[in-house]
Every structure is written in C-alpha cells, then in structure tokens.
Amino acid sequence: MGAGASSGSSRRSRRMVAEINVVPYIDVMLVLLVIFMVTAPLLPPGAIDLPSAGQSNAKTEGFIELVIQRNGSMSVRTRNTRDAEQVKDRIGKSELLETVKRLQADQNLPVVISADKSIAYEKVVEAMDLLRRGGIQRVALMVKAAS
C-alpha cells in the first residue's frame, strides 16, 4: 500500500505544463532583426541606368521626376522644391496625369523623365505623349553627362 500511495502522490504533484516557452522565439526574432538592420543599407536603392549625352546648358531649380524602371513600373517624386520631397510609387498610366498636376499645384514645375536605357523607347514616348495631351508643356528627358 505504501508503494501505491507514493506513486499516486507523485502523479498529483507532476502536471503537464500547457504553456509555450517563447524565449527562444524572441531570440530568433532579435537575430533576424539585427541581420535585416545590417543588410538593409547595403542593398542598392533601385538604381536607374541612364543613357549618356553631352553637357547640359542649365540646371533647373525644382522639378517633378517621372522614373520609369526597367520592368516598366513608374513612380513620381518632386526634386529640389521648397516643399518636402513627395513620392508616389507604382503608379499606372491612368493616374500619372492627375498625380503630376497635383504635385505641380501652383508652382508650374517642369516634368523630367528618368527612364532606364534598356527599356523600349515606346514607353518613354507614351509617357511624354500622355503628359503633353494632359496640358503639361514642360517635359524633358534626364540623361547622365558623358564622361
């Protein structure tokens, strides 16, 4: 009877723990956070390979930059303006004109198209045509200076 009583009491005192130990998960998350914080500044920021041309005459004070990436995606941002830089990523042709007009507001800023040199010229011409038909008269192409 003594053996049965001791096994019964040990059964009562030993219960299954129904909790998840989250400390290892927190350690893994912190390691991943450190890895991402270290590698994020090393990633290239979507650089565009601009075609080269001769020297430009004058630099514009402020302008709206239409960036056309290699995959055809477009984004719009303001440059060198008195307001803070405004960026609109991944816009389509349908919202391009209204975005440019909203950014121009009362400043009448020129629009400069920065397109990757490997994309089809047709995409650049389509963007220029859309802006011209929408009433934007000052449209230019951005190139890097020939070295």
C-alpha atoms as a PDB file:
ATOM      1  CA  MET A   1       0.000   0.000   0.000  1.00  0.00           C
ATOM      2  CA  GLY A   2       2.927   2.291   0.665  1.00  0.00           C
ATOM      3  CA  ALA A   3       4.173   1.907  -2.891  1.00  0.00           C
ATOM      4  CA  GLY A   4       0.762   2.684  -4.342  1.00  0.00           C
ATOM      5  CA  ALA A   5       0.365   5.762  -2.186  1.00  0.00           C
ATOM      6  CA  SER A   6       3.707   7.180  -3.174  1.00  0.00           C
ATOM      7  CA  SER A   7       3.039   6.692  -6.883  1.00  0.00           C
ATOM      8  CA  GLY A   8      -0.341   8.376  -6.551  1.00  0.00           C
ATOM      9  CA  SER A   9       1.076  11.398  -4.771  1.00  0.00           C
ATOM     10  CA  SER A  10       3.831  11.821  -7.358  1.00  0.00           C
ATOM     11  CA  ARG A  11       1.173  11.746 -10.042  1.00  0.00           C
ATOM     12  CA  ARG A  12      -0.692  14.601  -8.431  1.00  0.00           C
ATOM     13  CA  SER A  13       2.364  16.786  -7.968  1.00  0.00           C
ATOM     14  CA  ARG A  14       3.623  16.299 -11.515  1.00  0.00           C
ATOM     15  CA  ARG A  15       1.329  18.023 -14.005  1.00  0.00           C
ATOM     16  CA  MET A  16       1.825  18.713 -17.673  1.00  0.00           C
ATOM     17  CA  VAL A  17       2.720  22.318 -18.468  1.00  0.00           C
ATOM     18  CA  ALA A  18       0.434  23.672 -21.192  1.00  0.00           C
ATOM     19  CA  GLU A  19       2.458  26.808 -21.913  1.00  0.00           C
ATOM     20  CA  ILE A  20       4.722  27.639 -24.814  1.00  0.00           C
ATOM     21  CA  ASN A  21       8.190  28.862 -23.948  1.00  0.00           C
ATOM     22  CA  VAL A  22       8.555  31.989 -26.141  1.00  0.00           C
ATOM     23  CA  VAL A  23      12.087  32.922 -25.102  1.00  0.00           C
ATOM     24  CA  PRO A  24      13.753  31.001 -27.965  1.00  0.00           C
ATOM     25  CA  TYR A  25      11.382  32.620 -30.448  1.00  0.00           C
ATOM     26  CA  ILE A  26      12.259  36.077 -29.147  1.00  0.00           C
ATOM     27  CA  ASP A  27      15.960  35.265 -29.513  1.00  0.00           C
ATOM     28  CA  VAL A  28      15.446  34.193 -33.121  1.00  0.00           C
ATOM     29  CA  MET A  29      13.438  37.347 -33.872  1.00  0.00           C
ATOM     30  CA  LEU A  30      16.159  39.566 -32.422  1.00  0.00           C
ATOM     31  CA  VAL A  31      18.818  37.814 -34.516  1.00  0.00           C
ATOM     32  CA  LEU A  32      16.706  38.289 -37.655  1.00  0.00           C
ATOM     33  CA  LEU A  33      16.157  41.939 -36.781  1.00  0.00           C
ATOM     34  CA  VAL A  34      19.892  42.525 -36.449  1.00  0.00           C
ATOM     35  CA  ILE A  35      20.547  40.751 -39.759  1.00  0.00           C
ATOM     36  CA  PHE A  36      17.994  42.918 -41.579  1.00  0.00           C
ATOM     37  CA  MET A  37      19.277  46.099 -39.947  1.00  0.00           C
ATOM     38  CA  VAL A  38      22.824  45.323 -41.078  1.00  0.00           C
ATOM     39  CA  THR A  39      21.964  44.236 -44.636  1.00  0.00           C
ATOM     40  CA  ALA A  40      19.311  46.870 -45.477  1.00  0.00           C
ATOM     41  CA  PRO A  41      21.780  49.756 -46.055  1.00  0.00           C
ATOM     42  CA  LEU A  42      23.854  47.503 -48.329  1.00  0.00           C
ATOM     43  CA  LEU A  43      21.027  46.860 -50.808  1.00  0.00           C
ATOM     44  CA  PRO A  44      21.089  49.023 -53.952  1.00  0.00           C
ATOM     45  CA  PRO A  45      18.199  51.538 -53.992  1.00  0.00           C
ATOM     46  CA  GLY A  46      16.690  50.661 -57.382  1.00  0.00           C
ATOM     47  CA  ALA A  47      19.300  52.479 -59.440  1.00  0.00           C
ATOM     48  CA  ILE A  48      18.402  53.529 -62.961  1.00  0.00           C
ATOM     49  CA  ASP A  49      20.995  53.194 -65.696  1.00  0.00           C
ATOM     50  CA  LEU A  50      20.508  56.498 -67.561  1.00  0.00           C
ATOM     51  CA  PRO A  51      21.729  56.985 -71.104  1.00  0.00           C
ATOM     52  CA  SER A  52      24.585  59.465 -71.501  1.00  0.00           C
ATOM     53  CA  ALA A  53      24.608  62.663 -73.513  1.00  0.00           C
ATOM     54  CA  GLY A  54      26.670  65.856 -73.798  1.00  0.00           C
ATOM     55  CA  GLN A  55      26.799  68.649 -71.252  1.00  0.00           C
ATOM     56  CA  SER A  56      23.501  70.266 -70.323  1.00  0.00           C
ATOM     57  CA  ASN A  57      23.035  74.017 -70.528  1.00  0.00           C
ATOM     58  CA  ALA A  58      21.468  74.847 -67.187  1.00  0.00           C
ATOM     59  CA  LYS A  59      20.137  73.034 -64.175  1.00  0.00           C
ATOM     60  CA  THR A  60      16.537  73.508 -63.164  1.00  0.00           C
ATOM     61  CA  GLU A  61      15.746  74.661 -59.678  1.00  0.00           C
ATOM     62  CA  GLY A  62      12.805  72.397 -58.931  1.00  0.00           C
ATOM     63  CA  PHE A  63      11.195  69.700 -60.993  1.00  0.00           C
ATOM     64  CA  ILE A  64       8.953  66.662 -60.915  1.00  0.00           C
ATOM     65  CA  GLU A  65      10.765  63.441 -61.776  1.00  0.00           C
ATOM     66  CA  LEU A  66       8.940  60.604 -63.506  1.00  0.00           C
ATOM     67  CA  VAL A  67      11.004  57.445 -63.015  1.00  0.00           C
ATOM     68  CA  ILE A  68      10.408  54.534 -65.407  1.00  0.00           C
ATOM     69  CA  GLN A  69      12.106  51.376 -64.138  1.00  0.00           C
ATOM     70  CA  ARG A  70      13.499  48.532 -66.245  1.00  0.00           C
ATOM     71  CA  ASN A  71      10.361  46.446 -65.624  1.00  0.00           C
ATOM     72  CA  GLY A  72       8.105  49.287 -66.813  1.00  0.00           C
ATOM     73  CA  SER A  73       6.808  50.406 -63.400  1.00  0.00           C
ATOM     74  CA  MET A  74       6.558  54.162 -62.878  1.00  0.00           C
ATOM     75  CA  SER A  75       6.934  56.418 -59.853  1.00  0.00           C
ATOM     76  CA  VAL A  76       6.741  60.192 -59.455  1.00  0.00           C
ATOM     77  CA  ARG A  77       8.611  62.412 -56.998  1.00  0.00           C
ATOM     78  CA  THR A  78       9.414  66.087 -56.565  1.00  0.00           C
ATOM     79  CA  ARG A  79      13.015  67.259 -56.557  1.00  0.00           C
ATOM     80  CA  ASN A  80      14.634  70.498 -55.337  1.00  0.00           C
ATOM     81  CA  THR A  81      11.328  72.127 -54.414  1.00  0.00           C
ATOM     82  CA  ARG A  82      10.531  74.321 -51.444  1.00  0.00           C
ATOM     83  CA  ASP A  83       8.194  71.635 -50.088  1.00  0.00           C
ATOM     84  CA  ALA A  84       9.407  68.351 -48.691  1.00  0.00           C
ATOM     85  CA  GLU A  85      10.084  65.661 -51.267  1.00  0.00           C
ATOM     86  CA  GLN A  86       6.858  63.923 -52.199  1.00  0.00           C
ATOM     87  CA  VAL A  87       6.974  60.413 -53.617  1.00  0.00           C
ATOM     88  CA  LYS A  88       4.236  58.396 -55.305  1.00  0.00           C
ATOM     89  CA  ASP A  89       5.390  54.828 -56.051  1.00  0.00           C
ATOM     90  CA  ARG A  90       3.974  52.339 -58.529  1.00  0.00           C
ATOM     91  CA  ILE A  91       1.523  54.465 -60.433  1.00  0.00           C
ATOM     92  CA  GLY A  92      -0.239  53.455 -63.612  1.00  0.00           C
ATOM     93  CA  LYS A  93      -0.809  55.418 -66.789  1.00  0.00           C
ATOM     94  CA  SER A  94      -4.331  56.261 -65.649  1.00  0.00           C
ATOM     95  CA  GLU A  95      -3.196  58.106 -62.518  1.00  0.00           C
ATOM     96  CA  LEU A  96       0.026  59.619 -63.930  1.00  0.00           C
ATOM     97  CA  LEU A  97      -1.521  62.852 -65.191  1.00  0.00           C
ATOM     98  CA  GLU A  98      -3.571  63.604 -62.076  1.00  0.00           C
ATOM     99  CA  THR A  99      -0.553  62.905 -59.831  1.00  0.00           C
ATOM    100  CA  VAL A 100       1.673  65.285 -61.816  1.00  0.00           C
ATOM    101  CA  LYS A 101      -0.985  68.015 -61.824  1.00  0.00           C
ATOM    102  CA  ARG A 102      -1.463  67.647 -58.070  1.00  0.00           C
ATOM    103  CA  LEU A 103       2.295  67.915 -57.455  1.00  0.00           C
ATOM    104  CA  GLN A 104       2.581  70.925 -59.739  1.00  0.00           C
ATOM    105  CA  ALA A 105      -0.231  72.748 -57.914  1.00  0.00           C
ATOM    106  CA  ASP A 106       0.651  76.438 -58.348  1.00  0.00           C
ATOM    107  CA  GLN A 107       4.400  76.083 -58.980  1.00  0.00           C
ATOM    108  CA  ASN A 108       4.294  75.103 -62.703  1.00  0.00           C
ATOM    109  CA  LEU A 109       7.237  72.745 -62.294  1.00  0.00           C
ATOM    110  CA  PRO A 110       8.739  71.010 -65.346  1.00  0.00           C
ATOM    111  CA  VAL A 111       8.477  67.233 -65.602  1.00  0.00           C
ATOM    112  CA  VAL A 112      11.717  65.315 -66.159  1.00  0.00           C
ATOM    113  CA  ILE A 113      11.532  61.687 -67.294  1.00  0.00           C
ATOM    114  CA  SER A 114      14.259  59.384 -65.956  1.00  0.00           C
ATOM    115  CA  ALA A 115      13.976  56.138 -67.869  1.00  0.00           C
ATOM    116  CA  ASP A 116      16.307  53.178 -67.807  1.00  0.00           C
ATOM    117  CA  LYS A 117      18.233  52.959 -71.065  1.00  0.00           C
ATOM    118  CA  SER A 118      17.298  49.313 -71.570  1.00  0.00           C
ATOM    119  CA  ILE A 119      13.520  49.857 -71.772  1.00  0.00           C
ATOM    120  CA  ALA A 120      11.708  50.289 -75.059  1.00  0.00           C
ATOM    121  CA  TYR A 121      11.699  53.868 -76.340  1.00  0.00           C
ATOM    122  CA  GLU A 122       7.970  53.464 -76.939  1.00  0.00           C
ATOM    123  CA  LYS A 123       7.248  53.549 -73.182  1.00  0.00           C
ATOM    124  CA  VAL A 124       9.059  56.883 -72.824  1.00  0.00           C
ATOM    125  CA  VAL A 125       7.215  58.366 -75.795  1.00  0.00           C
ATOM    126  CA  GLU A 126       3.875  57.136 -74.430  1.00  0.00           C
ATOM    127  CA  ALA A 127       4.551  58.844 -71.095  1.00  0.00           C
ATOM    128  CA  MET A 128       5.611  62.086 -72.835  1.00  0.00           C
ATOM    129  CA  ASP A 129       2.547  61.991 -75.084  1.00  0.00           C
ATOM    130  CA  LEU A 130       0.211  61.414 -72.150  1.00  0.00           C
ATOM    131  CA  LEU A 131       1.686  64.382 -70.272  1.00  0.00           C
ATOM    132  CA  ARG A 132       1.572  66.674 -73.331  1.00  0.00           C
ATOM    133  CA  ARG A 133      -2.055  65.773 -74.112  1.00  0.00           C
ATOM    134  CA  GLY A 134      -2.888  66.489 -70.460  1.00  0.00           C
ATOM    135  CA  GLY A 135      -1.625  70.061 -70.726  1.00  0.00           C
ATOM    136  CA  ILE A 136       1.875  69.650 -69.274  1.00  0.00           C
ATOM    137  CA  GLN A 137       4.075  71.631 -71.680  1.00  0.00           C
ATOM    138  CA  ARG A 138       7.465  71.470 -69.970  1.00  0.00           C
ATOM    139  CA  VAL A 139       8.581  67.838 -70.354  1.00  0.00           C
ATOM    140  CA  ALA A 140      12.243  66.846 -70.627  1.00  0.00           C
ATOM    141  CA  LEU A 141      14.426  63.729 -70.546  1.00  0.00           C
ATOM    142  CA  MET A 142      17.088  63.145 -67.913  1.00  0.00           C
ATOM    143  CA  VAL A 143      20.475  61.819 -69.021  1.00  0.00           C
ATOM    144  CA  LYS A 144      23.822  61.468 -67.307  1.00  0.00           C
ATOM    145  CA  ALA A 145      26.712  63.563 -68.570  1.00  0.00           C
ATOM    146  CA  ALA A 146      29.101  61.848 -70.940  1.00  0.00           C
ATOM    147  CA  SER A 147      32.492  61.204 -69.390  1.00  0.00           C
END
